[in-house]
Amino acid sequence: LAVMYGCKRAATILCEEPGTLWSLDRKTFKNILKGTYASTTNTASEYLKTVPMLADLTDDQRLKVTEALTSVKYSAGDSILRHGDVGTKLFIVKEGEVAATRDDGTELAVMKQGEFFGESALDGSKEPRKANVIARSDVEVLSISASDFEGIIGSLTEVLANNLNQRIIDGIELLSYLSRSQRKE
């Protein structure tokens, strides 16, 4: 922490036997972290292009969503969502498979890499979940809360409509002499 934040060290380490010590200065350490963060963020942002619901976001919007995503791993058989719980998050399957089930265990749907569930949380209705979602295998999901999503880019419905309108306007040859910001007006 002292290296990251430039504060005094909170502990002393004593070596009990001979060894080799490696050290990093703060600038090098921060550059390593920035490089790792940028690489991870770019990879996740590219991955979101494959998610149909988010494919129409602009690169900037997708990057902002990527920065707010949380990765969670579940083991086969773990419950991810329960029928009747209030929906507050969108989930995207990154690896593995999940199944939407009824309370009696009947499978309604199976979702794999790139597919999503819990999207109703993004419409602001706070409706109860309509099914259970169980990990069919070891699975990694990416999640984002509805409040984070809306705080970052606004209502999903409005954002997708605005992006579609912008693509239509961008395709009108008569308006091609205007800058993108002028076309938005």
N, C-alpha and C. Protein backbone atom coordinates (compact mmCIF):
# COMPACT_ATOMS: atom_id res chain seq x y z
N LEU A 1 0.82 -1.20 0.00
CA LEU A 1 0.00 0.00 0.00
C LEU A 1 0.86 1.26 0.00
N ALA A 2 1.99 1.16 0.68
CA ALA A 2 2.87 2.33 0.72
C ALA A 2 3.33 2.69 -0.69
N VAL A 3 3.61 1.69 -1.52
CA VAL A 3 4.05 1.95 -2.89
C VAL A 3 2.91 2.55 -3.72
N MET A 4 1.69 2.04 -3.54
CA MET A 4 0.56 2.53 -4.32
C MET A 4 0.17 3.95 -3.98
N TYR A 5 0.14 4.26 -2.69
CA TYR A 5 -0.42 5.53 -2.26
C TYR A 5 0.58 6.53 -1.70
N GLY A 6 1.85 6.16 -1.68
CA GLY A 6 2.88 7.08 -1.21
C GLY A 6 2.78 7.39 0.28
N CYS A 7 2.27 6.45 1.05
CA CYS A 7 2.17 6.67 2.49
C CYS A 7 3.27 5.89 3.22
N LYS A 8 3.38 6.13 4.51
CA LYS A 8 4.40 5.43 5.30
C LYS A 8 4.04 3.96 5.40
N ARG A 9 5.06 3.15 5.51
CA ARG A 9 4.86 1.72 5.66
C ARG A 9 4.20 1.43 7.01
N ALA A 10 3.29 0.47 7.01
CA ALA A 10 2.54 0.15 8.22
C ALA A 10 3.16 -1.02 8.98
N ALA A 11 4.19 -1.66 8.38
CA ALA A 11 4.79 -2.82 9.04
C ALA A 11 6.25 -2.93 8.63
N THR A 12 6.98 -3.69 9.41
CA THR A 12 8.38 -3.97 9.11
C THR A 12 8.51 -5.46 8.88
N ILE A 13 9.27 -5.82 7.87
CA ILE A 13 9.48 -7.24 7.57
C ILE A 13 10.93 -7.57 7.89
N LEU A 14 11.11 -8.62 8.65
CA LEU A 14 12.45 -9.10 9.00
C LEU A 14 12.69 -10.43 8.33
N CYS A 15 13.86 -10.60 7.76
CA CYS A 15 14.22 -11.84 7.10
C CYS A 15 14.89 -12.76 8.13
N GLU A 16 14.40 -13.99 8.24
CA GLU A 16 14.95 -14.93 9.21
C GLU A 16 16.05 -15.80 8.63
N GLU A 17 16.19 -15.80 7.31
CA GLU A 17 17.27 -16.56 6.68
C GLU A 17 17.69 -15.85 5.41
N PRO A 18 18.87 -16.13 4.89
CA PRO A 18 19.35 -15.44 3.68
C PRO A 18 18.39 -15.64 2.50
N GLY A 19 18.23 -14.62 1.70
CA GLY A 19 17.34 -14.69 0.55
C GLY A 19 17.63 -13.56 -0.41
N THR A 20 16.83 -13.48 -1.45
CA THR A 20 16.96 -12.42 -2.45
C THR A 20 15.76 -11.49 -2.31
N LEU A 21 16.00 -10.22 -2.36
CA LEU A 21 14.96 -9.22 -2.22
C LEU A 21 14.83 -8.45 -3.52
N TRP A 22 13.62 -8.33 -4.00
CA TRP A 22 13.33 -7.56 -5.19
C TRP A 22 12.54 -6.33 -4.76
N SER A 23 12.73 -5.23 -5.45
CA SER A 23 11.97 -4.04 -5.11
C SER A 23 11.52 -3.32 -6.38
N LEU A 24 10.46 -2.54 -6.23
CA LEU A 24 9.94 -1.71 -7.32
C LEU A 24 9.72 -0.31 -6.79
N ASP A 25 10.04 0.68 -7.60
CA ASP A 25 9.70 2.04 -7.20
C ASP A 25 8.23 2.29 -7.56
N ARG A 26 7.65 3.30 -6.98
CA ARG A 26 6.23 3.59 -7.16
C ARG A 26 5.86 3.79 -8.62
N LYS A 27 6.66 4.53 -9.38
CA LYS A 27 6.35 4.82 -10.78
C LYS A 27 6.26 3.52 -11.59
N THR A 28 7.24 2.64 -11.43
CA THR A 28 7.24 1.36 -12.16
C THR A 28 6.03 0.52 -11.76
N PHE A 29 5.75 0.45 -10.46
CA PHE A 29 4.62 -0.32 -9.96
C PHE A 29 3.31 0.20 -10.55
N LYS A 30 3.11 1.51 -10.55
CA LYS A 30 1.89 2.09 -11.10
C LYS A 30 1.77 1.85 -12.61
N ASN A 31 2.91 1.92 -13.32
CA ASN A 31 2.88 1.65 -14.76
C ASN A 31 2.48 0.20 -15.04
N ILE A 32 2.96 -0.71 -14.22
CA ILE A 32 2.59 -2.12 -14.38
C ILE A 32 1.09 -2.27 -14.15
N LEU A 33 0.57 -1.66 -13.09
CA LEU A 33 -0.86 -1.74 -12.80
C LEU A 33 -1.70 -1.13 -13.91
N LYS A 34 -1.26 0.02 -14.42
CA LYS A 34 -2.00 0.68 -15.50
C LYS A 34 -2.03 -0.20 -16.74
N GLY A 35 -0.90 -0.81 -17.08
CA GLY A 35 -0.83 -1.67 -18.25
C GLY A 35 -1.73 -2.88 -18.12
N THR A 36 -1.73 -3.48 -16.94
CA THR A 36 -2.58 -4.64 -16.69
C THR A 36 -4.05 -4.24 -16.75
N TYR A 37 -4.38 -3.11 -16.13
CA TYR A 37 -5.75 -2.63 -16.12
C TYR A 37 -6.23 -2.32 -17.54
N ALA A 38 -5.40 -1.65 -18.31
CA ALA A 38 -5.77 -1.29 -19.68
C ALA A 38 -5.99 -2.53 -20.53
N SER A 39 -5.12 -3.51 -20.39
CA SER A 39 -5.24 -4.75 -21.15
C SER A 39 -6.52 -5.49 -20.78
N THR A 40 -6.79 -5.61 -19.49
CA THR A 40 -7.99 -6.29 -19.02
C THR A 40 -9.24 -5.56 -19.46
N THR A 41 -9.25 -4.24 -19.36
CA THR A 41 -10.40 -3.44 -19.75
C THR A 41 -10.66 -3.55 -21.24
N ASN A 42 -9.61 -3.48 -22.06
CA ASN A 42 -9.79 -3.60 -23.51
C ASN A 42 -10.33 -4.96 -23.89
N THR A 43 -9.83 -6.01 -23.25
CA THR A 43 -10.31 -7.36 -23.54
C THR A 43 -11.78 -7.50 -23.17
N ALA A 44 -12.16 -7.02 -21.99
CA ALA A 44 -13.56 -7.09 -21.56
C ALA A 44 -14.45 -6.25 -22.46
N SER A 45 -13.98 -5.08 -22.87
CA SER A 45 -14.76 -4.22 -23.74
C SER A 45 -15.00 -4.90 -25.10
N GLU A 46 -13.98 -5.54 -25.63
CA GLU A 46 -14.12 -6.28 -26.90
C GLU A 46 -15.11 -7.44 -26.72
N TYR A 47 -15.04 -8.10 -25.57
CA TYR A 47 -15.96 -9.21 -25.28
C TYR A 47 -17.41 -8.73 -25.30
N LEU A 48 -17.66 -7.54 -24.74
CA LEU A 48 -19.03 -7.03 -24.68
C LEU A 48 -19.61 -6.77 -26.07
N LYS A 49 -18.76 -6.60 -27.08
CA LYS A 49 -19.25 -6.43 -28.44
C LYS A 49 -19.98 -7.69 -28.92
N THR A 50 -19.66 -8.84 -28.30
CA THR A 50 -20.29 -10.10 -28.71
C THR A 50 -21.61 -10.34 -27.99
N VAL A 51 -21.93 -9.51 -27.00
CA VAL A 51 -23.19 -9.65 -26.26
C VAL A 51 -24.25 -8.86 -27.01
N PRO A 52 -25.25 -9.56 -27.59
CA PRO A 52 -26.22 -8.89 -28.46
C PRO A 52 -26.85 -7.63 -27.87
N MET A 53 -27.23 -7.67 -26.61
CA MET A 53 -27.91 -6.53 -26.01
C MET A 53 -27.01 -5.30 -25.90
N LEU A 54 -25.69 -5.51 -25.82
CA LEU A 54 -24.76 -4.40 -25.65
C LEU A 54 -23.97 -4.08 -26.91
N ALA A 55 -24.18 -4.84 -27.96
CA ALA A 55 -23.41 -4.67 -29.20
C ALA A 55 -23.61 -3.30 -29.84
N ASP A 56 -24.78 -2.69 -29.63
CA ASP A 56 -25.05 -1.40 -30.25
C ASP A 56 -24.57 -0.21 -29.44
N LEU A 57 -23.96 -0.45 -28.29
CA LEU A 57 -23.40 0.66 -27.53
C LEU A 57 -22.19 1.21 -28.27
N THR A 58 -21.89 2.47 -28.06
CA THR A 58 -20.68 3.04 -28.65
C THR A 58 -19.48 2.48 -27.90
N ASP A 59 -18.29 2.61 -28.47
CA ASP A 59 -17.08 2.12 -27.81
C ASP A 59 -16.90 2.79 -26.45
N ASP A 60 -17.18 4.09 -26.38
CA ASP A 60 -17.05 4.81 -25.11
C ASP A 60 -18.04 4.29 -24.07
N GLN A 61 -19.28 4.08 -24.47
CA GLN A 61 -20.28 3.55 -23.55
C GLN A 61 -19.89 2.15 -23.07
N ARG A 62 -19.42 1.32 -24.01
CA ARG A 62 -19.02 -0.04 -23.67
C ARG A 62 -17.85 -0.05 -22.70
N LEU A 63 -16.90 0.86 -22.89
CA LEU A 63 -15.76 0.96 -21.99
C LEU A 63 -16.21 1.34 -20.58
N LYS A 64 -17.13 2.29 -20.49
CA LYS A 64 -17.64 2.70 -19.18
C LYS A 64 -18.36 1.56 -18.48
N VAL A 65 -19.15 0.79 -19.24
CA VAL A 65 -19.84 -0.37 -18.65
C VAL A 65 -18.82 -1.39 -18.19
N THR A 66 -17.79 -1.62 -19.01
CA THR A 66 -16.73 -2.58 -18.67
C THR A 66 -16.09 -2.24 -17.34
N GLU A 67 -15.84 -0.96 -17.12
CA GLU A 67 -15.19 -0.54 -15.88
C GLU A 67 -16.05 -0.79 -14.65
N ALA A 68 -17.37 -0.90 -14.83
CA ALA A 68 -18.28 -1.11 -13.70
C ALA A 68 -18.65 -2.58 -13.50
N LEU A 69 -18.22 -3.45 -14.41
CA LEU A 69 -18.56 -4.87 -14.30
C LEU A 69 -17.84 -5.53 -13.13
N THR A 70 -18.50 -6.49 -12.52
CA THR A 70 -17.92 -7.30 -11.46
C THR A 70 -17.93 -8.74 -11.95
N SER A 71 -16.82 -9.43 -11.79
CA SER A 71 -16.73 -10.83 -12.18
C SER A 71 -16.98 -11.69 -10.94
N VAL A 72 -17.87 -12.68 -11.09
CA VAL A 72 -18.18 -13.59 -9.99
C VAL A 72 -18.14 -15.01 -10.53
N LYS A 73 -17.51 -15.90 -9.76
CA LYS A 73 -17.44 -17.32 -10.15
C LYS A 73 -18.35 -18.14 -9.26
N TYR A 74 -19.04 -19.10 -9.88
CA TYR A 74 -19.92 -20.02 -9.18
C TYR A 74 -19.53 -21.44 -9.53
N SER A 75 -19.75 -22.35 -8.61
CA SER A 75 -19.52 -23.78 -8.85
C SER A 75 -20.80 -24.40 -9.38
N ALA A 76 -20.65 -25.53 -10.08
CA ALA A 76 -21.81 -26.24 -10.60
C ALA A 76 -22.81 -26.49 -9.46
N GLY A 77 -24.08 -26.18 -9.73
CA GLY A 77 -25.12 -26.38 -8.74
C GLY A 77 -25.42 -25.16 -7.88
N ASP A 78 -24.54 -24.17 -7.89
CA ASP A 78 -24.77 -22.96 -7.09
C ASP A 78 -25.95 -22.16 -7.65
N SER A 79 -26.70 -21.55 -6.75
CA SER A 79 -27.81 -20.68 -7.13
C SER A 79 -27.27 -19.27 -7.37
N ILE A 80 -27.59 -18.73 -8.52
CA ILE A 80 -27.17 -17.37 -8.85
C ILE A 80 -28.31 -16.39 -8.58
N LEU A 81 -29.52 -16.75 -9.01
CA LEU A 81 -30.73 -15.96 -8.76
C LEU A 81 -31.83 -16.87 -8.26
N ARG A 82 -32.70 -16.31 -7.45
CA ARG A 82 -33.84 -17.07 -6.96
C ARG A 82 -35.15 -16.45 -7.44
N HIS A 83 -36.06 -17.31 -7.84
CA HIS A 83 -37.39 -16.89 -8.26
C HIS A 83 -38.02 -16.05 -7.16
N GLY A 84 -38.57 -14.88 -7.53
CA GLY A 84 -39.25 -14.02 -6.57
C GLY A 84 -38.38 -12.93 -5.99
N ASP A 85 -37.04 -13.08 -6.05
CA ASP A 85 -36.17 -12.01 -5.56
C ASP A 85 -36.31 -10.78 -6.46
N VAL A 86 -36.13 -9.60 -5.90
CA VAL A 86 -36.19 -8.38 -6.69
C VAL A 86 -34.93 -8.29 -7.55
N GLY A 87 -35.12 -8.02 -8.82
CA GLY A 87 -33.98 -7.94 -9.75
C GLY A 87 -33.29 -6.60 -9.67
N THR A 88 -31.98 -6.63 -9.39
CA THR A 88 -31.21 -5.38 -9.33
C THR A 88 -29.97 -5.41 -10.20
N LYS A 89 -29.68 -6.57 -10.84
CA LYS A 89 -28.46 -6.69 -11.63
C LYS A 89 -28.71 -7.41 -12.95
N LEU A 90 -27.89 -7.04 -13.92
CA LEU A 90 -27.81 -7.74 -15.19
C LEU A 90 -26.61 -8.67 -15.10
N PHE A 91 -26.73 -9.89 -15.61
CA PHE A 91 -25.64 -10.86 -15.61
C PHE A 91 -25.32 -11.27 -17.04
N ILE A 92 -24.03 -11.45 -17.33
CA ILE A 92 -23.57 -11.91 -18.64
C ILE A 92 -22.70 -13.14 -18.39
N VAL A 93 -22.99 -14.23 -19.08
CA VAL A 93 -22.20 -15.45 -18.91
C VAL A 93 -20.88 -15.27 -19.65
N LYS A 94 -19.79 -15.33 -18.90
CA LYS A 94 -18.46 -15.21 -19.51
C LYS A 94 -17.90 -16.59 -19.85
N GLU A 95 -18.05 -17.53 -18.92
CA GLU A 95 -17.60 -18.91 -19.14
C GLU A 95 -18.57 -19.86 -18.47
N GLY A 96 -18.79 -21.02 -19.08
CA GLY A 96 -19.64 -22.03 -18.47
C GLY A 96 -21.08 -21.93 -18.95
N GLU A 97 -21.97 -22.62 -18.22
CA GLU A 97 -23.39 -22.65 -18.56
C GLU A 97 -24.24 -22.45 -17.32
N VAL A 98 -25.35 -21.75 -17.49
CA VAL A 98 -26.33 -21.60 -16.42
C VAL A 98 -27.69 -22.03 -16.97
N ALA A 99 -28.58 -22.41 -16.05
CA ALA A 99 -29.93 -22.81 -16.46
C ALA A 99 -30.94 -22.00 -15.69
N ALA A 100 -31.96 -21.52 -16.41
CA ALA A 100 -33.12 -20.90 -15.78
C ALA A 100 -34.08 -22.04 -15.47
N THR A 101 -34.54 -22.12 -14.22
CA THR A 101 -35.39 -23.23 -13.81
C THR A 101 -36.62 -22.73 -13.06
N ARG A 102 -37.64 -23.59 -13.05
CA ARG A 102 -38.79 -23.35 -12.20
C ARG A 102 -38.44 -23.84 -10.80
N ASP A 103 -39.30 -23.56 -9.84
CA ASP A 103 -39.06 -24.02 -8.48
C ASP A 103 -39.03 -25.54 -8.38
N ASP A 104 -39.72 -26.23 -9.29
CA ASP A 104 -39.73 -27.70 -9.26
C ASP A 104 -38.51 -28.31 -9.96
N GLY A 105 -37.60 -27.45 -10.46
CA GLY A 105 -36.37 -27.93 -11.11
C GLY A 105 -36.46 -28.05 -12.61
N THR A 106 -37.63 -27.85 -13.20
CA THR A 106 -37.79 -27.92 -14.64
C THR A 106 -36.96 -26.83 -15.31
N GLU A 107 -36.11 -27.23 -16.27
CA GLU A 107 -35.28 -26.26 -16.99
C GLU A 107 -36.11 -25.52 -18.02
N LEU A 108 -36.01 -24.20 -17.99
CA LEU A 108 -36.72 -23.35 -18.95
C LEU A 108 -35.80 -22.92 -20.09
N ALA A 109 -34.53 -22.70 -19.76
CA ALA A 109 -33.57 -22.25 -20.76
C ALA A 109 -32.16 -22.50 -20.25
N VAL A 110 -31.23 -22.67 -21.19
CA VAL A 110 -29.81 -22.81 -20.86
C VAL A 110 -29.09 -21.65 -21.54
N MET A 111 -28.22 -20.99 -20.78
CA MET A 111 -27.48 -19.85 -21.32
C MET A 111 -25.99 -20.15 -21.25
N LYS A 112 -25.30 -19.80 -22.34
CA LYS A 112 -23.87 -20.06 -22.46
C LYS A 112 -23.12 -18.74 -22.65
N GLN A 113 -21.85 -18.87 -22.93
CA GLN A 113 -20.97 -17.70 -23.10
C GLN A 113 -21.59 -16.65 -24.01
N GLY A 114 -21.60 -15.40 -23.53
CA GLY A 114 -22.11 -14.27 -24.31
C GLY A 114 -23.59 -14.02 -24.12
N GLU A 115 -24.29 -14.98 -23.52
CA GLU A 115 -25.72 -14.78 -23.28
C GLU A 115 -25.90 -14.11 -21.92
N PHE A 116 -27.06 -13.53 -21.72
CA PHE A 116 -27.28 -12.72 -20.52
C PHE A 116 -28.62 -13.07 -19.89
N PHE A 117 -28.77 -12.69 -18.64
CA PHE A 117 -30.04 -12.86 -17.93
C PHE A 117 -30.14 -11.75 -16.89
N GLY A 118 -31.36 -11.52 -16.44
CA GLY A 118 -31.59 -10.46 -15.46
C GLY A 118 -31.73 -9.09 -16.09
N GLU A 119 -31.90 -9.05 -17.41
CA GLU A 119 -31.97 -7.75 -18.11
C GLU A 119 -33.17 -6.91 -17.68
N SER A 120 -34.19 -7.55 -17.14
CA SER A 120 -35.36 -6.78 -16.70
C SER A 120 -34.99 -5.82 -15.57
N ALA A 121 -33.88 -6.09 -14.88
CA ALA A 121 -33.43 -5.17 -13.82
C ALA A 121 -33.07 -3.80 -14.40
N LEU A 122 -32.70 -3.75 -15.68
CA LEU A 122 -32.27 -2.49 -16.28
C LEU A 122 -33.44 -1.59 -16.69
N ASP A 123 -34.66 -2.14 -16.67
CA ASP A 123 -35.79 -1.30 -17.07
C ASP A 123 -36.35 -0.48 -15.90
N GLY A 124 -35.79 -0.67 -14.72
CA GLY A 124 -36.19 0.12 -13.56
C GLY A 124 -37.46 -0.33 -12.87
N SER A 125 -38.07 -1.42 -13.33
CA SER A 125 -39.36 -1.85 -12.77
C SER A 125 -39.21 -2.56 -11.41
N LYS A 126 -38.03 -3.05 -11.11
CA LYS A 126 -37.78 -3.78 -9.86
C LYS A 126 -38.75 -4.94 -9.69
N GLU A 127 -39.08 -5.57 -10.81
CA GLU A 127 -39.97 -6.73 -10.79
C GLU A 127 -39.25 -7.92 -10.18
N PRO A 128 -40.00 -8.81 -9.53
CA PRO A 128 -39.37 -10.02 -8.98
C PRO A 128 -38.87 -10.92 -10.11
N ARG A 129 -37.80 -11.66 -9.82
CA ARG A 129 -37.26 -12.60 -10.81
C ARG A 129 -38.31 -13.64 -11.15
N LYS A 130 -38.38 -13.99 -12.43
CA LYS A 130 -39.40 -14.92 -12.89
C LYS A 130 -38.96 -16.38 -12.86
N ALA A 131 -37.68 -16.61 -12.56
CA ALA A 131 -37.16 -17.98 -12.52
C ALA A 131 -35.91 -18.01 -11.64
N ASN A 132 -35.51 -19.22 -11.29
CA ASN A 132 -34.23 -19.43 -10.63
C ASN A 132 -33.17 -19.49 -11.72
N VAL A 133 -31.95 -19.13 -11.41
CA VAL A 133 -30.83 -19.35 -12.33
C VAL A 133 -29.77 -20.09 -11.54
N ILE A 134 -29.41 -21.27 -12.06
CA ILE A 134 -28.48 -22.18 -11.39
C ILE A 134 -27.28 -22.41 -12.30
N ALA A 135 -26.09 -22.50 -11.72
CA ALA A 135 -24.88 -22.82 -12.49
C ALA A 135 -24.94 -24.30 -12.88
N ARG A 136 -24.92 -24.60 -14.18
CA ARG A 136 -24.90 -25.99 -14.65
C ARG A 136 -23.50 -26.58 -14.60
N SER A 137 -22.52 -25.70 -14.68
CA SER A 137 -21.11 -26.10 -14.62
C SER A 137 -20.41 -25.02 -13.80
N ASP A 138 -19.11 -25.17 -13.62
CA ASP A 138 -18.39 -24.05 -13.03
C ASP A 138 -18.56 -22.89 -14.01
N VAL A 139 -18.90 -21.74 -13.50
CA VAL A 139 -19.27 -20.63 -14.38
C VAL A 139 -18.70 -19.32 -13.84
N GLU A 140 -18.38 -18.43 -14.78
CA GLU A 140 -18.00 -17.07 -14.43
C GLU A 140 -18.99 -16.14 -15.10
N VAL A 141 -19.58 -15.27 -14.31
CA VAL A 141 -20.51 -14.28 -14.87
C VAL A 141 -19.99 -12.88 -14.58
N LEU A 142 -20.33 -11.98 -15.46
CA LEU A 142 -20.05 -10.55 -15.26
C LEU A 142 -21.37 -9.92 -14.86
N SER A 143 -21.35 -9.04 -13.88
CA SER A 143 -22.60 -8.40 -13.48
C SER A 143 -22.42 -6.91 -13.32
N ILE A 144 -23.53 -6.22 -13.49
CA ILE A 144 -23.56 -4.77 -13.28
C ILE A 144 -24.92 -4.44 -12.69
N SER A 145 -24.92 -3.61 -11.67
CA SER A 145 -26.19 -3.23 -11.05
C SER A 145 -26.94 -2.26 -11.96
N ALA A 146 -28.25 -2.27 -11.83
CA ALA A 146 -29.08 -1.38 -12.64
C ALA A 146 -28.73 0.08 -12.33
N SER A 147 -28.47 0.39 -11.07
CA SER A 147 -28.15 1.78 -10.72
C SER A 147 -26.81 2.20 -11.31
N ASP A 148 -25.81 1.30 -11.31
CA ASP A 148 -24.53 1.63 -11.94
C ASP A 148 -24.69 1.83 -13.44
N PHE A 149 -25.44 0.93 -14.07
CA PHE A 149 -25.65 1.00 -15.52
C PHE A 149 -26.31 2.33 -15.88
N GLU A 150 -27.39 2.64 -15.17
CA GLU A 150 -28.10 3.89 -15.48
C GLU A 150 -27.25 5.11 -15.15
N GLY A 151 -26.49 5.04 -14.07
CA GLY A 151 -25.63 6.17 -13.70
C GLY A 151 -24.53 6.42 -14.71
N ILE A 152 -24.09 5.37 -15.37
CA ILE A 152 -22.99 5.48 -16.34
C ILE A 152 -23.50 5.96 -17.70
N ILE A 153 -24.54 5.30 -18.22
CA ILE A 153 -24.97 5.64 -19.58
C ILE A 153 -26.44 5.94 -19.72
N GLY A 154 -27.21 5.83 -18.65
CA GLY A 154 -28.63 6.14 -18.73
C GLY A 154 -29.47 4.89 -18.97
N SER A 155 -30.72 5.11 -19.30
CA SER A 155 -31.66 4.02 -19.55
C SER A 155 -31.21 3.24 -20.78
N LEU A 156 -31.15 1.92 -20.66
CA LEU A 156 -30.72 1.08 -21.79
C LEU A 156 -31.61 1.32 -23.01
N THR A 157 -32.91 1.39 -22.81
CA THR A 157 -33.83 1.60 -23.93
C THR A 157 -33.54 2.91 -24.64
N GLU A 158 -33.34 3.98 -23.86
CA GLU A 158 -33.05 5.28 -24.46
C GLU A 158 -31.70 5.30 -25.15
N VAL A 159 -30.70 4.69 -24.53
CA VAL A 159 -29.35 4.67 -25.12
C VAL A 159 -29.37 3.94 -26.45
N LEU A 160 -30.01 2.76 -26.49
CA LEU A 160 -30.05 2.00 -27.74
C LEU A 160 -30.83 2.76 -28.81
N ALA A 161 -31.93 3.43 -28.43
CA ALA A 161 -32.70 4.22 -29.39
C ALA A 161 -31.87 5.40 -29.91
N ASN A 162 -31.17 6.09 -29.02
CA ASN A 162 -30.32 7.21 -29.43
C ASN A 162 -29.19 6.75 -30.35
N ASN A 163 -28.57 5.60 -30.02
CA ASN A 163 -27.50 5.08 -30.86
C ASN A 163 -28.02 4.72 -32.25
N LEU A 164 -29.21 4.11 -32.32
CA LEU A 164 -29.80 3.77 -33.61
C LEU A 164 -30.10 5.03 -34.40
N ASN A 165 -30.68 6.03 -33.75
CA ASN A 165 -30.97 7.31 -34.43
C ASN A 165 -29.69 7.94 -34.96
N GLN A 166 -28.62 7.88 -34.17
CA GLN A 166 -27.35 8.47 -34.58
C GLN A 166 -26.80 7.76 -35.81
N ARG A 167 -26.91 6.41 -35.84
CA ARG A 167 -26.43 5.66 -37.02
C ARG A 167 -27.24 6.03 -38.26
N ILE A 168 -28.54 6.23 -38.09
CA ILE A 168 -29.39 6.62 -39.22
C ILE A 168 -28.97 8.00 -39.72
N ILE A 169 -28.80 8.93 -38.80
CA ILE A 169 -28.38 10.30 -39.17
C ILE A 169 -27.00 10.27 -39.83
N ASP A 170 -26.08 9.47 -39.28
CA ASP A 170 -24.73 9.36 -39.87
C ASP A 170 -24.78 8.84 -41.30
N GLY A 171 -25.82 8.06 -41.63
CA GLY A 171 -25.93 7.49 -42.97
C GLY A 171 -26.57 8.42 -44.00
N ILE A 172 -27.05 9.57 -43.58
CA ILE A 172 -27.68 10.53 -44.50
C ILE A 172 -26.59 11.38 -45.14
N GLU A 173 -26.40 11.18 -46.43
CA GLU A 173 -25.30 11.83 -47.14
C GLU A 173 -25.37 13.36 -47.07
N LEU A 174 -26.58 13.90 -47.11
CA LEU A 174 -26.76 15.35 -47.07
C LEU A 174 -26.18 15.96 -45.79
N LEU A 175 -26.16 15.20 -44.70
CA LEU A 175 -25.67 15.71 -43.42
C LEU A 175 -24.19 15.38 -43.18
N SER A 176 -23.54 14.77 -44.15
CA SER A 176 -22.16 14.30 -43.95
C SER A 176 -21.16 15.44 -43.73
N TYR A 177 -21.50 16.65 -44.17
CA TYR A 177 -20.57 17.77 -43.98
C TYR A 177 -20.57 18.29 -42.54
N LEU A 178 -21.58 17.91 -41.74
CA LEU A 178 -21.66 18.34 -40.34
C LEU A 178 -20.78 17.46 -39.46
N SER A 179 -20.24 18.05 -38.39
CA SER A 179 -19.48 17.23 -37.43
C SER A 179 -20.47 16.36 -36.67
N ARG A 180 -19.93 15.32 -36.00
CA ARG A 180 -20.80 14.40 -35.23
C ARG A 180 -21.58 15.16 -34.15
N SER A 181 -20.94 16.13 -33.49
CA SER A 181 -21.64 16.88 -32.44
C SER A 181 -22.74 17.74 -33.04
N GLN A 182 -22.53 18.28 -34.23
CA GLN A 182 -23.57 19.07 -34.88
C GLN A 182 -24.75 18.20 -35.29
N ARG A 183 -24.44 16.98 -35.72
CA ARG A 183 -25.53 16.06 -36.12
C ARG A 183 -26.35 15.64 -34.92
N LYS A 184 -25.74 15.60 -33.73
CA LYS A 184 -26.48 15.23 -32.52
C LYS A 184 -27.51 16.28 -32.16
N GLU A 185 -27.21 17.53 -32.48
CA GLU A 185 -28.12 18.64 -32.16
C GLU A 185 -29.33 18.55 -33.04
